[in-house]
Each structure stands twice: as structure tokens, then as C-alpha cells.
N, C-alpha and C. Protein backbone atom coordinates (compact mmCIF):
# COMPACT_ATOMS: atom_id res chain seq x y z
N MET A 1 114.47 73.81 66.41
CA MET A 1 115.55 74.25 65.54
C MET A 1 115.47 75.76 65.24
N ALA A 2 114.24 76.25 64.96
CA ALA A 2 114.08 77.66 64.67
C ALA A 2 114.45 78.51 65.86
N ASN A 3 114.06 78.09 67.08
CA ASN A 3 114.38 78.86 68.27
C ASN A 3 115.89 78.84 68.53
N ALA A 4 116.57 77.76 68.19
CA ALA A 4 118.02 77.68 68.35
C ALA A 4 118.70 78.71 67.42
N ILE A 5 118.16 78.85 66.22
CA ILE A 5 118.71 79.83 65.27
C ILE A 5 118.49 81.26 65.79
N THR A 6 117.32 81.47 66.38
CA THR A 6 117.02 82.78 66.96
C THR A 6 117.97 83.09 68.11
N ILE A 7 118.25 82.10 68.98
CA ILE A 7 119.18 82.30 70.07
C ILE A 7 120.57 82.55 69.53
N PHE A 8 120.92 81.90 68.43
CA PHE A 8 122.23 82.15 67.76
C PHE A 8 122.29 83.61 67.35
N ARG A 9 121.18 84.17 66.84
CA ARG A 9 121.16 85.58 66.43
C ARG A 9 121.49 86.48 67.62
N MET A 10 120.92 86.16 68.77
CA MET A 10 121.21 86.96 69.96
C MET A 10 122.69 86.86 70.35
N ALA A 11 123.27 85.64 70.25
CA ALA A 11 124.67 85.46 70.58
C ALA A 11 125.56 86.20 69.59
N ALA A 12 125.26 86.13 68.30
CA ALA A 12 126.05 86.83 67.27
C ALA A 12 125.96 88.32 67.51
N SER A 13 124.79 88.79 67.92
CA SER A 13 124.61 90.20 68.19
C SER A 13 125.48 90.66 69.35
N ILE A 14 125.57 89.85 70.38
CA ILE A 14 126.39 90.18 71.57
C ILE A 14 127.86 90.23 71.15
N VAL A 15 128.32 89.32 70.29
CA VAL A 15 129.69 89.29 69.82
C VAL A 15 129.98 90.60 69.07
N LEU A 16 128.97 91.16 68.36
CA LEU A 16 129.16 92.45 67.66
C LEU A 16 129.66 93.54 68.62
N LEU A 17 129.25 93.49 69.84
CA LEU A 17 129.68 94.48 70.80
C LEU A 17 131.21 94.56 70.92
N PHE A 18 131.89 93.48 70.63
CA PHE A 18 133.34 93.43 70.76
C PHE A 18 134.09 93.60 69.45
N CYS A 19 133.36 93.90 68.37
CA CYS A 19 133.96 94.11 67.06
C CYS A 19 133.94 95.57 66.71
N PRO A 20 135.08 96.13 66.24
CA PRO A 20 135.04 97.55 65.81
C PRO A 20 134.05 97.73 64.65
N ALA A 21 133.29 98.80 64.70
CA ALA A 21 132.31 99.09 63.65
C ALA A 21 132.99 99.13 62.27
N PHE A 22 132.34 98.55 61.31
CA PHE A 22 132.79 98.51 59.90
C PHE A 22 134.08 97.70 59.70
N SER A 23 134.48 96.95 60.69
CA SER A 23 135.64 96.06 60.51
C SER A 23 135.18 94.77 59.84
N PRO A 24 136.11 93.98 59.28
CA PRO A 24 135.69 92.70 58.70
C PRO A 24 134.97 91.81 59.70
N ALA A 25 135.44 91.76 60.94
CA ALA A 25 134.76 90.94 61.95
C ALA A 25 133.33 91.45 62.20
N PHE A 26 133.18 92.77 62.24
CA PHE A 26 131.84 93.33 62.42
C PHE A 26 130.92 92.88 61.32
N TYR A 27 131.39 92.98 60.07
CA TYR A 27 130.55 92.57 58.95
C TYR A 27 130.20 91.07 58.98
N VAL A 28 131.17 90.24 59.38
CA VAL A 28 130.91 88.81 59.43
C VAL A 28 129.79 88.51 60.41
N PHE A 29 129.92 89.05 61.64
CA PHE A 29 128.90 88.76 62.66
C PHE A 29 127.59 89.48 62.35
N TYR A 30 127.67 90.66 61.74
CA TYR A 30 126.48 91.38 61.33
C TYR A 30 125.72 90.55 60.31
N MET A 31 126.41 90.03 59.31
CA MET A 31 125.78 89.22 58.28
C MET A 31 125.22 87.90 58.84
N MET A 32 125.97 87.28 59.78
CA MET A 32 125.47 86.03 60.41
C MET A 32 124.19 86.31 61.18
N ALA A 33 124.16 87.36 61.96
CA ALA A 33 122.98 87.69 62.75
C ALA A 33 121.79 88.03 61.81
N GLY A 34 122.04 88.83 60.80
CA GLY A 34 120.97 89.20 59.87
C GLY A 34 120.44 88.03 59.09
N SER A 35 121.32 87.17 58.65
CA SER A 35 120.93 85.99 57.89
C SER A 35 120.13 85.04 58.75
N SER A 36 120.51 84.92 60.00
CA SER A 36 119.78 84.01 60.90
C SER A 36 118.34 84.51 61.11
N ASP A 37 118.13 85.82 61.02
CA ASP A 37 116.77 86.35 61.14
C ASP A 37 115.88 85.83 60.04
N MET A 38 116.41 85.73 58.84
CA MET A 38 115.62 85.19 57.73
C MET A 38 115.48 83.69 57.82
N LEU A 39 116.51 83.04 58.32
CA LEU A 39 116.55 81.59 58.37
C LEU A 39 115.62 81.02 59.43
N ASP A 40 115.51 81.65 60.60
CA ASP A 40 114.66 81.09 61.67
C ASP A 40 113.21 81.04 61.28
N GLY A 41 112.71 82.09 60.62
CA GLY A 41 111.34 82.09 60.18
C GLY A 41 111.08 81.03 59.12
N PHE A 42 111.96 80.91 58.18
CA PHE A 42 111.86 79.86 57.15
C PHE A 42 111.84 78.49 57.79
N MET A 43 112.74 78.26 58.75
CA MET A 43 112.82 76.96 59.40
C MET A 43 111.56 76.68 60.20
N ALA A 44 111.03 77.65 60.90
CA ALA A 44 109.81 77.47 61.68
C ALA A 44 108.64 77.06 60.78
N ARG A 45 108.54 77.73 59.61
CA ARG A 45 107.45 77.35 58.69
C ARG A 45 107.69 76.00 58.06
N LYS A 46 108.93 75.73 57.68
CA LYS A 46 109.26 74.48 57.02
C LYS A 46 109.02 73.28 57.93
N THR A 47 109.32 73.43 59.23
CA THR A 47 109.17 72.32 60.18
C THR A 47 107.85 72.39 60.93
N ASN A 48 106.99 73.36 60.56
CA ASN A 48 105.69 73.53 61.18
C ASN A 48 105.81 73.71 62.69
N THR A 49 106.79 74.49 63.12
CA THR A 49 107.05 74.71 64.55
C THR A 49 106.84 76.18 64.95
N ALA A 50 106.21 76.98 64.10
CA ALA A 50 105.97 78.37 64.46
C ALA A 50 105.08 78.41 65.69
N SER A 51 105.37 79.33 66.60
CA SER A 51 104.62 79.42 67.85
C SER A 51 104.65 80.86 68.37
N ARG A 52 103.75 81.11 69.30
CA ARG A 52 103.76 82.43 69.93
C ARG A 52 105.09 82.66 70.67
N PHE A 53 105.57 81.62 71.33
CA PHE A 53 106.87 81.75 72.03
C PHE A 53 107.97 82.09 71.04
N GLY A 54 107.98 81.37 69.89
CA GLY A 54 108.98 81.64 68.87
C GLY A 54 108.86 83.06 68.32
N ALA A 55 107.66 83.55 68.16
CA ALA A 55 107.46 84.90 67.68
C ALA A 55 108.00 85.91 68.68
N ARG A 56 107.74 85.66 69.95
CA ARG A 56 108.23 86.56 71.00
C ARG A 56 109.77 86.52 71.07
N LEU A 57 110.32 85.30 71.02
CA LEU A 57 111.77 85.16 71.05
C LEU A 57 112.40 85.86 69.84
N ASP A 58 111.77 85.72 68.68
CA ASP A 58 112.23 86.38 67.46
C ASP A 58 112.25 87.90 67.62
N THR A 59 111.16 88.43 68.21
CA THR A 59 111.08 89.87 68.44
C THR A 59 112.16 90.33 69.40
N ILE A 60 112.37 89.59 70.48
CA ILE A 60 113.41 89.94 71.43
C ILE A 60 114.79 89.93 70.76
N ALA A 61 115.04 88.89 69.96
CA ALA A 61 116.30 88.79 69.23
C ALA A 61 116.49 89.97 68.27
N ASP A 62 115.37 90.38 67.62
CA ASP A 62 115.44 91.52 66.75
C ASP A 62 115.83 92.75 67.51
N TYR A 63 115.22 92.97 68.67
CA TYR A 63 115.55 94.13 69.49
C TYR A 63 117.03 94.11 69.94
N VAL A 64 117.51 92.95 70.34
CA VAL A 64 118.90 92.81 70.76
C VAL A 64 119.82 93.18 69.60
N PHE A 65 119.53 92.66 68.41
CA PHE A 65 120.35 92.93 67.24
C PHE A 65 120.35 94.44 66.92
N VAL A 66 119.15 95.06 66.93
CA VAL A 66 119.05 96.46 66.61
C VAL A 66 119.76 97.31 67.65
N ILE A 67 119.55 97.03 68.92
CA ILE A 67 120.19 97.81 70.00
C ILE A 67 121.71 97.70 69.91
N VAL A 68 122.21 96.50 69.73
CA VAL A 68 123.67 96.33 69.62
C VAL A 68 124.19 97.05 68.39
N SER A 69 123.49 96.94 67.29
CA SER A 69 123.92 97.64 66.06
C SER A 69 123.96 99.13 66.29
N LEU A 70 122.96 99.65 66.97
CA LEU A 70 122.93 101.08 67.26
C LEU A 70 124.09 101.49 68.19
N ILE A 71 124.34 100.67 69.19
CA ILE A 71 125.46 100.96 70.11
C ILE A 71 126.78 101.04 69.32
N LYS A 72 126.96 100.19 68.34
CA LYS A 72 128.18 100.17 67.56
C LYS A 72 128.25 101.28 66.50
N LEU A 73 127.10 101.55 65.87
CA LEU A 73 127.11 102.45 64.71
C LEU A 73 126.90 103.92 65.06
N LEU A 74 126.07 104.23 66.03
CA LEU A 74 125.77 105.63 66.34
C LEU A 74 127.01 106.46 66.65
N PRO A 75 127.96 105.92 67.40
CA PRO A 75 129.15 106.76 67.70
C PRO A 75 130.03 107.04 66.47
N VAL A 76 129.88 106.25 65.41
CA VAL A 76 130.82 106.44 64.27
C VAL A 76 130.17 107.02 63.01
N ILE A 77 128.87 107.29 63.05
CA ILE A 77 128.24 107.91 61.88
C ILE A 77 127.60 109.24 62.31
N ARG A 78 127.53 110.16 61.36
CA ARG A 78 126.94 111.46 61.63
C ARG A 78 125.50 111.42 61.14
N ILE A 79 124.58 111.64 62.08
CA ILE A 79 123.14 111.58 61.74
C ILE A 79 122.55 112.97 61.85
N PRO A 80 121.91 113.43 60.78
CA PRO A 80 121.29 114.77 60.84
C PRO A 80 120.14 114.81 61.87
N ILE A 81 119.88 115.98 62.41
CA ILE A 81 118.85 116.16 63.43
C ILE A 81 117.48 115.72 62.89
N TRP A 82 117.15 116.05 61.63
CA TRP A 82 115.85 115.68 61.09
C TRP A 82 115.65 114.18 61.10
N LEU A 83 116.75 113.44 60.95
CA LEU A 83 116.65 111.99 60.94
C LEU A 83 116.37 111.46 62.36
N TYR A 84 117.00 112.07 63.35
CA TYR A 84 116.70 111.70 64.75
C TYR A 84 115.21 111.96 65.05
N VAL A 85 114.70 113.09 64.58
CA VAL A 85 113.29 113.41 64.84
C VAL A 85 112.38 112.37 64.17
N TRP A 86 112.67 112.00 62.94
CA TRP A 86 111.86 111.02 62.23
C TRP A 86 111.92 109.67 62.92
N ILE A 87 113.11 109.26 63.31
CA ILE A 87 113.25 108.00 64.04
C ILE A 87 112.48 108.03 65.36
N GLY A 88 112.53 109.18 66.04
CA GLY A 88 111.78 109.32 67.29
C GLY A 88 110.30 109.19 67.07
N LEU A 89 109.79 109.75 65.99
CA LEU A 89 108.36 109.63 65.67
C LEU A 89 107.96 108.19 65.37
N ILE A 90 108.83 107.48 64.66
CA ILE A 90 108.58 106.08 64.38
C ILE A 90 108.57 105.29 65.67
N ALA A 91 109.53 105.57 66.54
CA ALA A 91 109.58 104.89 67.87
C ALA A 91 108.34 105.16 68.66
N LEU A 92 107.85 106.41 68.63
CA LEU A 92 106.64 106.76 69.36
C LEU A 92 105.44 105.95 68.86
N ILE A 93 105.31 105.85 67.56
CA ILE A 93 104.24 105.06 66.97
C ILE A 93 104.36 103.59 67.40
N LYS A 94 105.60 103.07 67.41
CA LYS A 94 105.81 101.66 67.84
C LYS A 94 105.43 101.47 69.30
N VAL A 95 105.77 102.42 70.16
CA VAL A 95 105.41 102.33 71.59
C VAL A 95 103.86 102.35 71.72
N ILE A 96 103.21 103.22 70.99
CA ILE A 96 101.76 103.26 71.01
C ILE A 96 101.20 101.93 70.56
N ASN A 97 101.82 101.31 69.54
CA ASN A 97 101.38 100.00 69.04
C ASN A 97 101.53 98.92 70.12
N ILE A 98 102.63 98.97 70.84
CA ILE A 98 102.83 97.98 71.92
C ILE A 98 101.73 98.14 72.99
N ILE A 99 101.49 99.37 73.38
CA ILE A 99 100.43 99.62 74.38
C ILE A 99 99.07 99.20 73.84
N SER A 100 98.77 99.55 72.58
CA SER A 100 97.52 99.13 71.97
C SER A 100 97.37 97.64 71.92
N GLY A 101 98.45 96.92 71.64
CA GLY A 101 98.43 95.48 71.62
C GLY A 101 97.98 94.90 72.97
N PHE A 102 98.52 95.47 74.05
CA PHE A 102 98.14 95.02 75.37
C PHE A 102 96.67 95.35 75.68
N VAL A 103 96.26 96.53 75.26
CA VAL A 103 94.86 96.97 75.53
C VAL A 103 93.87 96.18 74.68
N VAL A 104 94.11 96.10 73.39
CA VAL A 104 93.14 95.49 72.49
C VAL A 104 93.25 93.96 72.48
N GLN A 105 94.43 93.41 72.42
CA GLN A 105 94.60 91.98 72.26
C GLN A 105 94.83 91.27 73.63
N LYS A 106 95.06 92.06 74.69
CA LYS A 106 95.32 91.53 76.03
C LYS A 106 96.58 90.64 76.11
N THR A 107 97.51 90.93 75.21
CA THR A 107 98.77 90.16 75.19
C THR A 107 99.80 90.98 74.41
N PHE A 108 101.06 90.56 74.51
CA PHE A 108 102.11 91.16 73.68
C PHE A 108 101.90 90.72 72.25
N VAL A 109 101.80 91.64 71.33
CA VAL A 109 101.52 91.34 69.92
C VAL A 109 102.77 91.59 69.10
N ALA A 110 103.21 90.57 68.40
CA ALA A 110 104.36 90.70 67.47
C ALA A 110 103.80 90.60 66.05
N VAL A 111 103.75 91.71 65.35
CA VAL A 111 103.23 91.74 64.01
C VAL A 111 104.36 91.52 63.01
N HIS A 112 104.28 90.42 62.30
CA HIS A 112 105.29 90.09 61.29
C HIS A 112 104.72 90.26 59.91
N SER A 113 104.27 91.49 59.62
CA SER A 113 103.65 91.78 58.33
C SER A 113 104.75 91.86 57.26
N ALA A 114 104.32 91.79 56.02
CA ALA A 114 105.26 91.89 54.91
C ALA A 114 105.99 93.24 54.95
N MET A 115 105.28 94.29 55.32
CA MET A 115 105.91 95.62 55.36
C MET A 115 106.93 95.70 56.50
N ASN A 116 106.62 95.09 57.66
CA ASN A 116 107.61 95.03 58.72
C ASN A 116 108.86 94.26 58.29
N LYS A 117 108.64 93.17 57.55
CA LYS A 117 109.79 92.39 57.06
C LYS A 117 110.59 93.18 56.07
N ALA A 118 109.89 93.89 55.16
CA ALA A 118 110.62 94.71 54.15
C ALA A 118 111.40 95.82 54.85
N THR A 119 110.84 96.45 55.86
CA THR A 119 111.53 97.46 56.61
C THR A 119 112.75 96.88 57.31
N GLY A 120 112.57 95.72 57.89
CA GLY A 120 113.69 95.05 58.55
C GLY A 120 114.83 94.78 57.58
N LEU A 121 114.49 94.36 56.37
CA LEU A 121 115.54 94.12 55.35
C LEU A 121 116.24 95.41 54.97
N LEU A 122 115.48 96.48 54.77
CA LEU A 122 116.09 97.77 54.46
C LEU A 122 116.99 98.27 55.57
N LEU A 123 116.51 98.11 56.82
CA LEU A 123 117.29 98.56 57.97
C LEU A 123 118.56 97.73 58.08
N PHE A 124 118.44 96.41 57.78
CA PHE A 124 119.62 95.56 57.81
C PHE A 124 120.66 95.99 56.76
N LEU A 125 120.16 96.40 55.59
CA LEU A 125 121.08 96.80 54.50
C LEU A 125 121.75 98.14 54.75
N LEU A 126 121.10 98.99 55.56
CA LEU A 126 121.58 100.36 55.76
C LEU A 126 123.07 100.46 56.12
N PRO A 127 123.58 99.74 57.14
CA PRO A 127 125.02 99.86 57.44
C PRO A 127 125.91 99.40 56.27
N LEU A 128 125.38 98.51 55.41
CA LEU A 128 126.18 98.03 54.29
C LEU A 128 126.28 99.10 53.21
N THR A 129 125.34 100.05 53.18
CA THR A 129 125.34 101.10 52.16
C THR A 129 126.14 102.32 52.55
N ILE A 130 126.45 102.49 53.83
CA ILE A 130 127.12 103.70 54.31
C ILE A 130 128.45 103.97 53.61
N PRO A 131 129.26 102.95 53.35
CA PRO A 131 130.52 103.26 52.59
C PRO A 131 130.29 103.68 51.16
N VAL A 132 129.08 103.42 50.62
CA VAL A 132 128.82 103.69 49.19
C VAL A 132 127.96 104.94 48.96
N PHE A 133 126.93 105.13 49.79
CA PHE A 133 126.00 106.26 49.65
C PHE A 133 126.03 107.11 50.89
N PRO A 134 125.77 108.43 50.75
CA PRO A 134 125.57 109.22 51.96
C PRO A 134 124.39 108.68 52.74
N LEU A 135 124.51 108.62 54.05
CA LEU A 135 123.49 108.07 54.91
C LEU A 135 122.11 108.62 54.67
N LYS A 136 122.00 109.92 54.46
CA LYS A 136 120.69 110.57 54.36
C LYS A 136 119.84 110.01 53.23
N TYR A 137 120.40 109.58 52.14
CA TYR A 137 119.64 109.10 51.00
C TYR A 137 118.97 107.77 51.30
N PHE A 138 119.72 106.81 51.73
CA PHE A 138 119.13 105.49 52.02
C PHE A 138 118.27 105.60 53.30
N ALA A 139 118.62 106.48 54.23
CA ALA A 139 117.85 106.63 55.45
C ALA A 139 116.44 107.11 55.14
N ILE A 140 116.26 107.96 54.12
CA ILE A 140 114.90 108.42 53.75
C ILE A 140 114.06 107.22 53.31
N VAL A 141 114.63 106.33 52.53
CA VAL A 141 113.92 105.14 52.06
C VAL A 141 113.53 104.26 53.25
N VAL A 142 114.50 104.03 54.15
CA VAL A 142 114.26 103.18 55.30
C VAL A 142 113.20 103.81 56.21
N CYS A 143 113.30 105.09 56.50
CA CYS A 143 112.34 105.74 57.40
C CYS A 143 110.95 105.80 56.78
N ALA A 144 110.84 106.02 55.48
CA ALA A 144 109.54 106.03 54.83
C ALA A 144 108.89 104.64 54.95
N ALA A 145 109.63 103.61 54.71
CA ALA A 145 109.11 102.25 54.84
C ALA A 145 108.76 101.95 56.31
N ALA A 146 109.60 102.37 57.26
CA ALA A 146 109.34 102.11 58.66
C ALA A 146 108.11 102.87 59.16
N THR A 147 107.91 104.09 58.65
CA THR A 147 106.73 104.85 59.04
C THR A 147 105.46 104.16 58.53
N TYR A 148 105.45 103.74 57.30
CA TYR A 148 104.31 103.05 56.74
C TYR A 148 104.07 101.72 57.51
N ALA A 149 105.13 100.98 57.78
CA ALA A 149 105.00 99.71 58.49
C ALA A 149 104.45 99.92 59.90
N ALA A 150 104.91 100.97 60.59
CA ALA A 150 104.45 101.23 61.96
C ALA A 150 102.98 101.60 61.97
N ILE A 151 102.56 102.43 61.02
CA ILE A 151 101.14 102.82 60.93
C ILE A 151 100.31 101.60 60.56
N GLN A 152 100.75 100.79 59.61
CA GLN A 152 100.03 99.57 59.27
C GLN A 152 99.95 98.61 60.43
N GLU A 153 101.04 98.48 61.19
CA GLU A 153 101.06 97.62 62.36
C GLU A 153 100.02 98.05 63.35
N GLY A 154 99.94 99.35 63.63
CA GLY A 154 98.93 99.88 64.54
C GLY A 154 97.53 99.56 64.08
N TYR A 155 97.29 99.73 62.82
CA TYR A 155 95.97 99.41 62.24
C TYR A 155 95.63 97.92 62.46
N LEU A 156 96.58 97.05 62.13
CA LEU A 156 96.35 95.62 62.26
C LEU A 156 96.12 95.23 63.72
N ILE A 157 96.84 95.84 64.64
CA ILE A 157 96.67 95.53 66.06
C ILE A 157 95.27 95.99 66.52
N ARG A 158 94.90 97.22 66.17
CA ARG A 158 93.66 97.78 66.69
C ARG A 158 92.44 97.14 66.06
N THR A 159 92.58 96.65 64.85
CA THR A 159 91.41 96.01 64.20
C THR A 159 91.41 94.51 64.40
N GLY A 160 92.53 93.95 64.87
CA GLY A 160 92.59 92.50 65.07
C GLY A 160 92.78 91.75 63.77
N GLU A 161 93.15 92.44 62.71
CA GLU A 161 93.32 91.82 61.38
C GLU A 161 94.72 91.28 61.19
N LEU A 162 95.15 90.40 62.07
CA LEU A 162 96.51 89.86 62.01
C LEU A 162 96.59 88.59 61.18
N THR A 163 95.50 87.85 61.06
CA THR A 163 95.51 86.61 60.33
C THR A 163 95.73 86.88 58.85
N GLY A 164 96.66 86.14 58.26
CA GLY A 164 96.96 86.29 56.83
C GLY A 164 97.89 87.46 56.51
N LYS A 165 98.30 88.22 57.52
CA LYS A 165 99.18 89.36 57.29
C LYS A 165 100.57 89.11 57.86
N GLY A 166 100.84 87.89 58.20
CA GLY A 166 102.10 87.58 58.85
C GLY A 166 101.89 87.39 60.33
N GLY A 167 100.89 88.09 60.86
CA GLY A 167 100.40 87.97 62.24
C GLY A 167 101.40 87.45 63.26
N TYR A 168 101.04 86.38 63.89
CA TYR A 168 101.87 85.81 64.96
C TYR A 168 102.78 84.74 64.33
N GLY A 169 103.78 84.36 65.09
CA GLY A 169 104.68 83.26 64.66
C GLY A 169 106.05 83.82 64.35
N HIS A 170 106.93 82.90 64.02
CA HIS A 170 108.27 83.31 63.65
C HIS A 170 108.21 84.13 62.38
N GLY A 171 108.98 85.23 62.39
CA GLY A 171 109.01 86.16 61.24
C GLY A 171 109.81 85.61 60.14
């Protein structure tokens, strides 16, 4: 059931490609995809079906959702250069974490820490705040959380301290 919800998130994300950014249809599918991200992890824990496969599928679905959201939003919002630089640095840390996971753990590591989840929630809320707040203000909060989460993720991967921190499994 949890994996079906995760697959639904990927499908809802793909539908977003065909919705104009900030349109009612965009928000409906955006909210469905985001809500399913919270629901699949809850369902996996509730039914005791969390698995490495589910964690990997969840991570892939997260990437699909983020990439589609970026494809839709980047052309219609103005992002300051300093924000691109900060996002690039976070991405670099995440790439180093992926490589470290392969080197240290000998497998693809999906860290579902509380800070990664909090960052995901903030990132999810970001497009909803754009009509209300200037992007730069909420983006600082999101990037600060993402930077901390990425550094923490690297630490957890390199030390192997994933148990009890959200570690593996559906997020």
C-alpha cells in the first residue's frame, strides 16, 4: 500500500508538467503529491511494511516531484544569484553524501532524518508562500534548514549512525 502511494506521487508529479504554474490545477496536483509523501511513510510504519526498496522508491519519487516542480516554477519566478549559489552548495554537499554513502556503506543510502523531513516540508511550502512573501525571505529559512540537513546527513552516513535517526525505510 505504501509503495502504491509513492507511485501515485510520481504520477501526480508528472501531471504537474501539464498544469500552468500557480494555476488551481497546479496547486491541486502539487498538494496531492506533497500529501502523498507524508502519507506513504505513515502507511509503511502503520502496516509494518517499511523496506529498503520502499525507501529507495520514496527517494526517487521525491526527486521526480522536486525536478518537476523546478521545471514548472523556475521559469516563472525570479531567483537572486546568491540563492542559486547557496542551492548549488547544498547540491554539492548532497552529491558528496551520495558518493560517501556508496564508499562507506557500500550501497545507496537514503537518510530520512527529522531534519531532512523538516527541510522537505519547508521546501514543499515554499511555492505556497510565493504569492504572500517575497521569495528571498522564505528561501533563507529553507536554505538554512537544507544546509544543516545536508551536513547532518553527511555526518550520519560517514559515521554509520543511521539507526534511530530515521535511517532507512519509508520517509
